[in-house]
Amino acid sequence: MRDLGVGFGYLIKGQRWVGRHGRWFGFGLLPGLVTLVLYAAALVGLGYGADNLVSWATPFADDWSSPWLGLLRNTLTVLVFALGLFLAVITFTAVTLLVGQPFYESLSEQVDRTEGGEVPESGLPLWRDLWISARDSVRILVRVGLYSVLLFALGFIPVVGQTVVPVIGFCVTGYFLAEELTAVALQRRGMVLKDRLVLLRGRRMLTLGFGVPLGLAFLVPFVAVFLMPGAVAGATLLARDLVASDEDGDDDADPAPYTLDKD
């Protein structure tokens, strides 16, 4: 449980970092603003069209009597929108990072620079970095899609579908958000997707402590945009210490001096 608090500490530390470096905060806002406009339009469209989509997908219920017809379709409409929101939270980071690859690469490098030590660079041309990021994002989204379908189905289970399933959904969201964000720094360190997942899986609670609060915050309109620069900064700090801990060969060691009581 301690790792949850330590992971959350990285998120706070990242927000503090961009707060002290206002120019980089503004620099990191631009990709999120562009992506937010696109996603807002998509969610508004889904909100208006979800009921029509459900009606089209359930023609077998057209002759059902009240209240069963309304109960079925209203429940499915809520679930469809919830699924869309879940996918939006997950994919927002991936799309924003892809759109803002040059921005966030520079921000992450600056965090490494101010924290001292080596400042790794991929050494690859921009198009190659973009291709790797896009390819890895698709692989992550496939995994997320499989989880989404499973959780959507489990949502029909009475009680469990309204209590346990949403909690699992937020954990899945947080875990893959953390992966997407730490990828900016870890990819510069030459780590491929498989190695990144192994690294984060070894400190699962730490990863959830960072990603789950961020995923919850991303549900609030506009918050995602303003948290993204700090989230990238915090993920870079997390990545630095995870790599250092992994190189030391001590998976149980606290990877970070970055706790909530540290300025």
C-alpha atoms as a PDB file:
ATOM      1  CA  MET A   1       0.000   0.000   0.000  1.00  0.00           C
ATOM      2  CA  ARG A   2       2.930   2.327   0.615  1.00  0.00           C
ATOM      3  CA  ASP A   3       3.760   2.163  -3.089  1.00  0.00           C
ATOM      4  CA  LEU A   4       0.366   3.720  -3.892  1.00  0.00           C
ATOM      5  CA  GLY A   5       1.306   6.829  -1.932  1.00  0.00           C
ATOM      6  CA  VAL A   6       4.769   6.943  -3.472  1.00  0.00           C
ATOM      7  CA  GLY A   7       3.270   6.687  -6.956  1.00  0.00           C
ATOM      8  CA  PHE A   8       0.870   9.532  -6.201  1.00  0.00           C
ATOM      9  CA  GLY A   9       3.860  11.517  -4.952  1.00  0.00           C
ATOM     10  CA  TYR A  10       5.384  11.392  -8.434  1.00  0.00           C
ATOM     11  CA  LEU A  11       2.215  12.899  -9.881  1.00  0.00           C
ATOM     12  CA  ILE A  12       2.370  15.757  -7.371  1.00  0.00           C
ATOM     13  CA  LYS A  13       6.096  16.197  -7.965  1.00  0.00           C
ATOM     14  CA  GLY A  14       5.508  16.541 -11.713  1.00  0.00           C
ATOM     15  CA  GLN A  15       2.855  19.214 -11.197  1.00  0.00           C
ATOM     16  CA  ARG A  16       5.224  21.076  -8.896  1.00  0.00           C
ATOM     17  CA  TRP A  17       7.970  20.865 -11.507  1.00  0.00           C
ATOM     18  CA  VAL A  18       5.892  22.529 -14.228  1.00  0.00           C
ATOM     19  CA  GLY A  19       4.650  25.031 -11.663  1.00  0.00           C
ATOM     20  CA  ARG A  20       8.256  26.129 -11.148  1.00  0.00           C
ATOM     21  CA  HIS A  21       8.930  26.151 -14.898  1.00  0.00           C
ATOM     22  CA  GLY A  22       6.000  28.129 -16.276  1.00  0.00           C
ATOM     23  CA  ARG A  23       7.351  28.342 -19.826  1.00  0.00           C
ATOM     24  CA  TRP A  24       7.383  24.555 -20.100  1.00  0.00           C
ATOM     25  CA  PHE A  25       3.890  24.349 -18.662  1.00  0.00           C
ATOM     26  CA  GLY A  26       2.561  26.583 -21.433  1.00  0.00           C
ATOM     27  CA  PHE A  27       4.628  24.703 -23.988  1.00  0.00           C
ATOM     28  CA  GLY A  28       3.074  21.405 -22.896  1.00  0.00           C
ATOM     29  CA  LEU A  29      -0.510  22.699 -23.003  1.00  0.00           C
ATOM     30  CA  LEU A  30      -0.728  23.082 -26.772  1.00  0.00           C
ATOM     31  CA  PRO A  31      -1.094  19.405 -27.833  1.00  0.00           C
ATOM     32  CA  GLY A  32      -3.706  18.776 -25.144  1.00  0.00           C
ATOM     33  CA  LEU A  33      -5.831  21.711 -26.261  1.00  0.00           C
ATOM     34  CA  VAL A  34      -5.912  20.454 -29.846  1.00  0.00           C
ATOM     35  CA  THR A  35      -6.814  16.921 -28.762  1.00  0.00           C
ATOM     36  CA  LEU A  36      -9.440  18.153 -26.298  1.00  0.00           C
ATOM     37  CA  VAL A  37     -11.397  19.927 -29.030  1.00  0.00           C
ATOM     38  CA  LEU A  38     -11.448  16.757 -31.142  1.00  0.00           C
ATOM     39  CA  TYR A  39     -12.516  14.527 -28.248  1.00  0.00           C
ATOM     40  CA  ALA A  40     -15.167  16.939 -26.992  1.00  0.00           C
ATOM     41  CA  ALA A  41     -16.779  16.939 -30.433  1.00  0.00           C
ATOM     42  CA  ALA A  42     -16.668  13.125 -30.550  1.00  0.00           C
ATOM     43  CA  LEU A  43     -18.234  12.714 -27.081  1.00  0.00           C
ATOM     44  CA  VAL A  44     -20.969  15.239 -27.830  1.00  0.00           C
ATOM     45  CA  GLY A  45     -21.761  13.306 -30.997  1.00  0.00           C
ATOM     46  CA  LEU A  46     -21.842  10.046 -29.035  1.00  0.00           C
ATOM     47  CA  GLY A  47     -24.108  11.611 -26.415  1.00  0.00           C
ATOM     48  CA  TYR A  48     -26.625  12.609 -29.064  1.00  0.00           C
ATOM     49  CA  GLY A  49     -26.390   9.389 -31.048  1.00  0.00           C
ATOM     50  CA  ALA A  50     -26.021   6.674 -28.386  1.00  0.00           C
ATOM     51  CA  ASP A  51     -29.761   6.060 -28.073  1.00  0.00           C
ATOM     52  CA  ASN A  52     -30.154   5.716 -31.852  1.00  0.00           C
ATOM     53  CA  LEU A  53     -27.202   3.335 -31.944  1.00  0.00           C
ATOM     54  CA  VAL A  54     -28.733   1.179 -29.210  1.00  0.00           C
ATOM     55  CA  SER A  55     -32.134   1.145 -30.948  1.00  0.00           C
ATOM     56  CA  TRP A  56     -30.477   0.056 -34.192  1.00  0.00           C
ATOM     57  CA  ALA A  57     -28.530  -2.693 -32.398  1.00  0.00           C
ATOM     58  CA  THR A  58     -31.547  -4.131 -30.540  1.00  0.00           C
ATOM     59  CA  PRO A  59     -34.330  -4.614 -33.113  1.00  0.00           C
ATOM     60  CA  PHE A  60     -35.383  -7.779 -31.286  1.00  0.00           C
ATOM     61  CA  ALA A  61     -36.733  -5.616 -28.447  1.00  0.00           C
ATOM     62  CA  ASP A  62     -39.037  -3.447 -30.582  1.00  0.00           C
ATOM     63  CA  ASP A  63     -42.118  -5.411 -29.515  1.00  0.00           C
ATOM     64  CA  TRP A  64     -41.239  -5.597 -25.815  1.00  0.00           C
ATOM     65  CA  SER A  65     -43.765  -4.104 -23.433  1.00  0.00           C
ATOM     66  CA  SER A  66     -43.110  -1.329 -20.953  1.00  0.00           C
ATOM     67  CA  PRO A  67     -41.065  -1.005 -18.800  1.00  0.00           C
ATOM     68  CA  TRP A  68     -38.712  -3.671 -20.189  1.00  0.00           C
ATOM     69  CA  LEU A  69     -38.024  -1.944 -23.504  1.00  0.00           C
ATOM     70  CA  GLY A  70     -37.075   1.327 -21.848  1.00  0.00           C
ATOM     71  CA  LEU A  71     -35.076  -0.412 -19.131  1.00  0.00           C
ATOM     72  CA  LEU A  72     -33.014  -2.397 -21.627  1.00  0.00           C
ATOM     73  CA  ARG A  73     -32.293   0.457 -24.010  1.00  0.00           C
ATOM     74  CA  ASN A  74     -31.677   3.077 -21.335  1.00  0.00           C
ATOM     75  CA  THR A  75     -29.234   0.754 -19.592  1.00  0.00           C
ATOM     76  CA  LEU A  76     -27.425  -0.003 -22.844  1.00  0.00           C
ATOM     77  CA  THR A  77     -27.317   3.702 -23.737  1.00  0.00           C
ATOM     78  CA  VAL A  78     -25.635   4.511 -20.430  1.00  0.00           C
ATOM     79  CA  LEU A  79     -23.192   1.638 -20.900  1.00  0.00           C
ATOM     80  CA  VAL A  80     -22.338   2.710 -24.453  1.00  0.00           C
ATOM     81  CA  PHE A  81     -21.596   6.254 -23.325  1.00  0.00           C
ATOM     82  CA  ALA A  82     -19.639   4.957 -20.319  1.00  0.00           C
ATOM     83  CA  LEU A  83     -17.607   2.753 -22.667  1.00  0.00           C
ATOM     84  CA  GLY A  84     -16.979   5.726 -24.930  1.00  0.00           C
ATOM     85  CA  LEU A  85     -15.868   7.801 -21.951  1.00  0.00           C
ATOM     86  CA  PHE A  86     -13.617   4.975 -20.762  1.00  0.00           C
ATOM     87  CA  LEU A  87     -11.999   4.714 -24.192  1.00  0.00           C
ATOM     88  CA  ALA A  88     -11.678   8.500 -24.387  1.00  0.00           C
ATOM     89  CA  VAL A  89      -9.775   8.610 -21.091  1.00  0.00           C
ATOM     90  CA  ILE A  90      -7.457   5.836 -22.223  1.00  0.00           C
ATOM     91  CA  THR A  91      -6.872   7.067 -25.756  1.00  0.00           C
ATOM     92  CA  PHE A  92      -6.658  10.768 -24.894  1.00  0.00           C
ATOM     93  CA  THR A  93      -3.151  10.334 -23.518  1.00  0.00           C
ATOM     94  CA  ALA A  94      -2.007   8.218 -26.472  1.00  0.00           C
ATOM     95  CA  VAL A  95      -3.385  10.654 -29.058  1.00  0.00           C
ATOM     96  CA  THR A  96      -2.119  13.719 -27.180  1.00  0.00           C
ATOM     97  CA  LEU A  97       1.341  12.204 -26.842  1.00  0.00           C
ATOM     98  CA  LEU A  98       1.357  11.363 -30.539  1.00  0.00           C
ATOM     99  CA  VAL A  99       0.211  14.847 -31.545  1.00  0.00           C
ATOM    100  CA  GLY A 100       2.629  16.449 -29.111  1.00  0.00           C
ATOM    101  CA  GLN A 101       5.592  14.089 -29.497  1.00  0.00           C
ATOM    102  CA  PRO A 102       8.160  16.858 -30.172  1.00  0.00           C
ATOM    103  CA  PHE A 103       6.711  18.980 -27.342  1.00  0.00           C
ATOM    104  CA  TYR A 104       6.753  16.247 -24.720  1.00  0.00           C
ATOM    105  CA  GLU A 105      10.128  14.893 -25.794  1.00  0.00           C
ATOM    106  CA  SER A 106      11.594  18.342 -25.171  1.00  0.00           C
ATOM    107  CA  LEU A 107       9.770  18.685 -21.850  1.00  0.00           C
ATOM    108  CA  SER A 108      10.943  15.255 -20.695  1.00  0.00           C
ATOM    109  CA  GLU A 109      14.526  16.019 -21.683  1.00  0.00           C
ATOM    110  CA  GLN A 110      14.354  19.268 -19.725  1.00  0.00           C
ATOM    111  CA  VAL A 111      13.168  17.391 -16.629  1.00  0.00           C
ATOM    112  CA  ASP A 112      16.137  15.029 -16.978  1.00  0.00           C
ATOM    113  CA  ARG A 113      18.415  18.012 -17.433  1.00  0.00           C
ATOM    114  CA  THR A 114      17.224  19.846 -14.326  1.00  0.00           C
ATOM    115  CA  GLU A 115      17.350  16.701 -12.192  1.00  0.00           C
ATOM    116  CA  GLY A 116      20.971  16.078 -13.124  1.00  0.00           C
ATOM    117  CA  GLY A 117      22.740  13.042 -14.487  1.00  0.00           C
ATOM    118  CA  GLU A 118      22.488  11.669 -17.996  1.00  0.00           C
ATOM    119  CA  VAL A 119      20.006  13.151 -20.468  1.00  0.00           C
ATOM    120  CA  PRO A 120      19.288  10.235 -22.833  1.00  0.00           C
ATOM    121  CA  GLU A 121      18.349  10.856 -26.448  1.00  0.00           C
ATOM    122  CA  SER A 122      16.890   8.292 -28.809  1.00  0.00           C
ATOM    123  CA  GLY A 123      19.170   9.362 -31.653  1.00  0.00           C
ATOM    124  CA  LEU A 124      16.363   8.577 -34.102  1.00  0.00           C
ATOM    125  CA  PRO A 125      14.846  10.987 -36.634  1.00  0.00           C
ATOM    126  CA  LEU A 126      11.488  12.496 -35.664  1.00  0.00           C
ATOM    127  CA  TRP A 127       9.520  10.398 -38.154  1.00  0.00           C
ATOM    128  CA  ARG A 128      10.977   7.229 -36.655  1.00  0.00           C
ATOM    129  CA  ASP A 129      10.092   8.299 -33.113  1.00  0.00           C
ATOM    130  CA  LEU A 130       6.560   9.098 -34.258  1.00  0.00           C
ATOM    131  CA  TRP A 131       6.235   5.722 -35.973  1.00  0.00           C
ATOM    132  CA  ILE A 132       7.399   3.832 -32.866  1.00  0.00           C
ATOM    133  CA  SER A 133       5.063   5.845 -30.638  1.00  0.00           C
ATOM    134  CA  ALA A 134       2.103   5.253 -32.953  1.00  0.00           C
ATOM    135  CA  ARG A 135       2.844   1.542 -33.273  1.00  0.00           C
ATOM    136  CA  ASP A 136       3.193   1.068 -29.515  1.00  0.00           C
ATOM    137  CA  SER A 137       0.063   3.113 -28.860  1.00  0.00           C
ATOM    138  CA  VAL A 138      -1.929   0.862 -31.182  1.00  0.00           C
ATOM    139  CA  ARG A 139      -0.620  -2.202 -29.352  1.00  0.00           C
ATOM    140  CA  ILE A 140      -1.640  -0.697 -26.027  1.00  0.00           C
ATOM    141  CA  LEU A 141      -5.061   0.283 -27.356  1.00  0.00           C
ATOM    142  CA  VAL A 142      -5.657  -3.274 -28.556  1.00  0.00           C
ATOM    143  CA  ARG A 143      -5.009  -4.478 -25.013  1.00  0.00           C
ATOM    144  CA  VAL A 144      -7.283  -1.774 -23.637  1.00  0.00           C
ATOM    145  CA  GLY A 145      -9.961  -2.674 -26.160  1.00  0.00           C
ATOM    146  CA  LEU A 146      -9.955  -6.296 -24.997  1.00  0.00           C
ATOM    147  CA  TYR A 147     -10.294  -5.184 -21.379  1.00  0.00           C
ATOM    148  CA  SER A 148     -13.079  -2.785 -22.379  1.00  0.00           C
ATOM    149  CA  VAL A 149     -15.118  -5.499 -24.066  1.00  0.00           C
ATOM    150  CA  LEU A 150     -14.688  -7.796 -21.065  1.00  0.00           C
ATOM    151  CA  LEU A 151     -15.612  -5.084 -18.554  1.00  0.00           C
ATOM    152  CA  PHE A 152     -18.571  -4.029 -20.692  1.00  0.00           C
ATOM    153  CA  ALA A 153     -19.897  -7.595 -20.574  1.00  0.00           C
ATOM    154  CA  LEU A 154     -19.267  -7.887 -16.828  1.00  0.00           C
ATOM    155  CA  GLY A 155     -21.197  -4.655 -16.313  1.00  0.00           C
ATOM    156  CA  PHE A 156     -24.438  -6.613 -16.788  1.00  0.00           C
ATOM    157  CA  ILE A 157     -23.803  -8.700 -13.658  1.00  0.00           C
ATOM    158  CA  PRO A 158     -26.068  -7.395 -10.866  1.00  0.00           C
ATOM    159  CA  VAL A 159     -24.284  -5.545  -8.037  1.00  0.00           C
ATOM    160  CA  VAL A 160     -20.806  -6.625  -9.191  1.00  0.00           C
ATOM    161  CA  GLY A 161     -21.262  -4.782 -12.485  1.00  0.00           C
ATOM    162  CA  GLN A 162     -22.075  -1.552 -10.648  1.00  0.00           C
ATOM    163  CA  THR A 163     -19.408  -1.790  -7.911  1.00  0.00           C
ATOM    164  CA  VAL A 164     -16.409  -4.025  -8.602  1.00  0.00           C
ATOM    165  CA  VAL A 165     -16.285  -3.593 -12.382  1.00  0.00           C
ATOM    166  CA  PRO A 166     -15.939   0.235 -12.312  1.00  0.00           C
ATOM    167  CA  VAL A 167     -13.071  -0.089  -9.811  1.00  0.00           C
ATOM    168  CA  ILE A 168     -11.297  -2.578 -12.069  1.00  0.00           C
ATOM    169  CA  GLY A 169     -11.946  -0.265 -14.999  1.00  0.00           C
ATOM    170  CA  PHE A 170     -10.236   2.645 -13.265  1.00  0.00           C
ATOM    171  CA  CYS A 171      -7.277   0.426 -12.356  1.00  0.00           C
ATOM    172  CA  VAL A 172      -6.925  -0.641 -15.998  1.00  0.00           C
ATOM    173  CA  THR A 173      -7.199   2.992 -17.060  1.00  0.00           C
ATOM    174  CA  GLY A 174      -4.564   4.109 -14.555  1.00  0.00           C
ATOM    175  CA  TYR A 175      -2.125   1.350 -15.416  1.00  0.00           C
ATOM    176  CA  PHE A 176      -2.118   2.026 -19.142  1.00  0.00           C
ATOM    177  CA  LEU A 177      -2.096   5.805 -18.627  1.00  0.00           C
ATOM    178  CA  ALA A 178       1.096   5.361 -16.638  1.00  0.00           C
ATOM    179  CA  GLU A 179       2.553   3.203 -19.405  1.00  0.00           C
ATOM    180  CA  GLU A 180       1.781   5.763 -22.086  1.00  0.00           C
ATOM    181  CA  LEU A 181       3.249   8.623 -20.076  1.00  0.00           C
ATOM    182  CA  THR A 182       6.420   6.879 -18.915  1.00  0.00           C
ATOM    183  CA  ALA A 183       6.981   5.739 -22.513  1.00  0.00           C
ATOM    184  CA  VAL A 184       8.156   9.267 -23.384  1.00  0.00           C
ATOM    185  CA  ALA A 185      11.177   8.943 -21.084  1.00  0.00           C
ATOM    186  CA  LEU A 186      11.689   5.187 -21.352  1.00  0.00           C
ATOM    187  CA  GLN A 187      11.658   5.173 -25.150  1.00  0.00           C
ATOM    188  CA  ARG A 188      14.477   7.727 -25.082  1.00  0.00           C
ATOM    189  CA  ARG A 189      16.352   5.236 -22.917  1.00  0.00           C
ATOM    190  CA  GLY A 190      16.047   2.575 -25.591  1.00  0.00           C
ATOM    191  CA  MET A 191      13.347   0.502 -23.883  1.00  0.00           C
ATOM    192  CA  VAL A 192      10.886  -1.260 -26.185  1.00  0.00           C
ATOM    193  CA  LEU A 193       7.238  -1.777 -25.248  1.00  0.00           C
ATOM    194  CA  LYS A 194       7.743  -5.302 -23.908  1.00  0.00           C
ATOM    195  CA  ASP A 195      10.517  -4.177 -21.563  1.00  0.00           C
ATOM    196  CA  ARG A 196       8.491  -1.170 -20.408  1.00  0.00           C
ATOM    197  CA  LEU A 197       5.537  -3.373 -19.500  1.00  0.00           C
ATOM    198  CA  VAL A 198       7.794  -5.751 -17.572  1.00  0.00           C
ATOM    199  CA  LEU A 199       9.317  -2.820 -15.694  1.00  0.00           C
ATOM    200  CA  LEU A 200       5.931  -1.384 -14.701  1.00  0.00           C
ATOM    201  CA  ARG A 201       4.461  -4.793 -13.906  1.00  0.00           C
ATOM    202  CA  GLY A 202       7.261  -5.311 -11.404  1.00  0.00           C
ATOM    203  CA  ARG A 203       6.034  -2.243  -9.492  1.00  0.00           C
ATOM    204  CA  ARG A 204       2.323  -2.557 -10.162  1.00  0.00           C
ATOM    205  CA  MET A 205       1.079  -0.726  -7.047  1.00  0.00           C
ATOM    206  CA  LEU A 206       3.495   2.129  -7.645  1.00  0.00           C
ATOM    207  CA  THR A 207       2.241   2.378 -11.225  1.00  0.00           C
ATOM    208  CA  LEU A 208      -1.393   2.386 -10.095  1.00  0.00           C
ATOM    209  CA  GLY A 209      -0.647   5.025  -7.475  1.00  0.00           C
ATOM    210  CA  PHE A 210       0.544   7.288 -10.262  1.00  0.00           C
ATOM    211  CA  GLY A 211      -2.003   6.408 -12.947  1.00  0.00           C
ATOM    212  CA  VAL A 212      -5.332   5.874 -11.163  1.00  0.00           C
ATOM    213  CA  PRO A 213      -5.622   9.374  -9.607  1.00  0.00           C
ATOM    214  CA  LEU A 214      -4.649  10.809 -12.969  1.00  0.00           C
ATOM    215  CA  GLY A 215      -7.311   8.735 -14.726  1.00  0.00           C
ATOM    216  CA  LEU A 216      -9.935   9.938 -12.244  1.00  0.00           C
ATOM    217  CA  ALA A 217      -8.834  13.550 -12.709  1.00  0.00           C
ATOM    218  CA  PHE A 218      -9.036  13.156 -16.492  1.00  0.00           C
ATOM    219  CA  LEU A 219     -12.796  12.557 -16.161  1.00  0.00           C
ATOM    220  CA  VAL A 220     -13.253  16.232 -15.221  1.00  0.00           C
ATOM    221  CA  PRO A 221     -13.608  18.460 -18.317  1.00  0.00           C
ATOM    222  CA  PHE A 222     -10.467  20.420 -19.216  1.00  0.00           C
ATOM    223  CA  VAL A 223      -8.485  18.957 -16.303  1.00  0.00           C
ATOM    224  CA  ALA A 224      -6.645  16.519 -18.572  1.00  0.00           C
ATOM    225  CA  VAL A 225      -5.248  19.362 -20.671  1.00  0.00           C
ATOM    226  CA  PHE A 226      -3.858  21.252 -17.679  1.00  0.00           C
ATOM    227  CA  LEU A 227      -2.468  18.146 -15.983  1.00  0.00           C
ATOM    228  CA  MET A 228      -0.723  16.728 -19.052  1.00  0.00           C
ATOM    229  CA  PRO A 229       2.504  18.780 -18.818  1.00  0.00           C
ATOM    230  CA  GLY A 230       2.911  17.890 -15.142  1.00  0.00           C
ATOM    231  CA  ALA A 231       1.934  14.285 -15.828  1.00  0.00           C
ATOM    232  CA  VAL A 232       4.734  13.987 -18.402  1.00  0.00           C
ATOM    233  CA  ALA A 233       7.165  15.596 -15.954  1.00  0.00           C
ATOM    234  CA  GLY A 234       6.079  13.268 -13.137  1.00  0.00           C
ATOM    235  CA  ALA A 235       6.263  10.229 -15.408  1.00  0.00           C
ATOM    236  CA  THR A 236       9.813  11.201 -16.352  1.00  0.00           C
ATOM    237  CA  LEU A 237      10.782  11.380 -12.678  1.00  0.00           C
ATOM    238  CA  LEU A 238       9.127   7.998 -12.135  1.00  0.00           C
ATOM    239  CA  ALA A 239      10.882   6.480 -15.151  1.00  0.00           C
ATOM    240  CA  ARG A 240      14.282   7.775 -13.998  1.00  0.00           C
ATOM    241  CA  ASP A 241      13.999   6.077 -10.647  1.00  0.00           C
ATOM    242  CA  LEU A 242      12.418   2.868 -11.936  1.00  0.00           C
ATOM    243  CA  VAL A 243      15.313   2.436 -14.346  1.00  0.00           C
ATOM    244  CA  ALA A 244      17.844   3.226 -11.618  1.00  0.00           C
ATOM    245  CA  SER A 245      16.169   0.735  -9.267  1.00  0.00           C
ATOM    246  CA  ASP A 246      16.057  -1.915 -11.991  1.00  0.00           C
ATOM    247  CA  GLU A 247      19.738  -1.421 -12.784  1.00  0.00           C
ATOM    248  CA  ASP A 248      20.552  -1.822  -9.089  1.00  0.00           C
ATOM    249  CA  GLY A 249      18.715  -5.133  -9.213  1.00  0.00           C
ATOM    250  CA  ASP A 250      16.541  -4.389  -6.182  1.00  0.00           C
ATOM    251  CA  ASP A 251      12.876  -4.536  -7.148  1.00  0.00           C
ATOM    252  CA  ASP A 252      11.750  -4.125  -3.537  1.00  0.00           C
ATOM    253  CA  ALA A 253      13.699  -0.951  -2.952  1.00  0.00           C
ATOM    254  CA  ASP A 254      11.898   2.353  -2.856  1.00  0.00           C
ATOM    255  CA  PRO A 255      12.709   3.764  -6.305  1.00  0.00           C
ATOM    256  CA  ALA A 256      12.099   7.324  -5.333  1.00  0.00           C
ATOM    257  CA  PRO A 257      12.962  10.078  -2.953  1.00  0.00           C
ATOM    258  CA  TYR A 258       9.921  11.870  -4.398  1.00  0.00           C
ATOM    259  CA  THR A 259       7.296  11.738  -1.676  1.00  0.00           C
ATOM    260  CA  LEU A 260       4.495  14.117  -0.809  1.00  0.00           C
ATOM    261  CA  ASP A 261       6.421  15.787   2.012  1.00  0.00           C
ATOM    262  CA  LYS A 262       9.383  16.643  -0.210  1.00  0.00           C
ATOM    263  CA  ASP A 263       9.559  20.051  -1.878  1.00  0.00           C
END
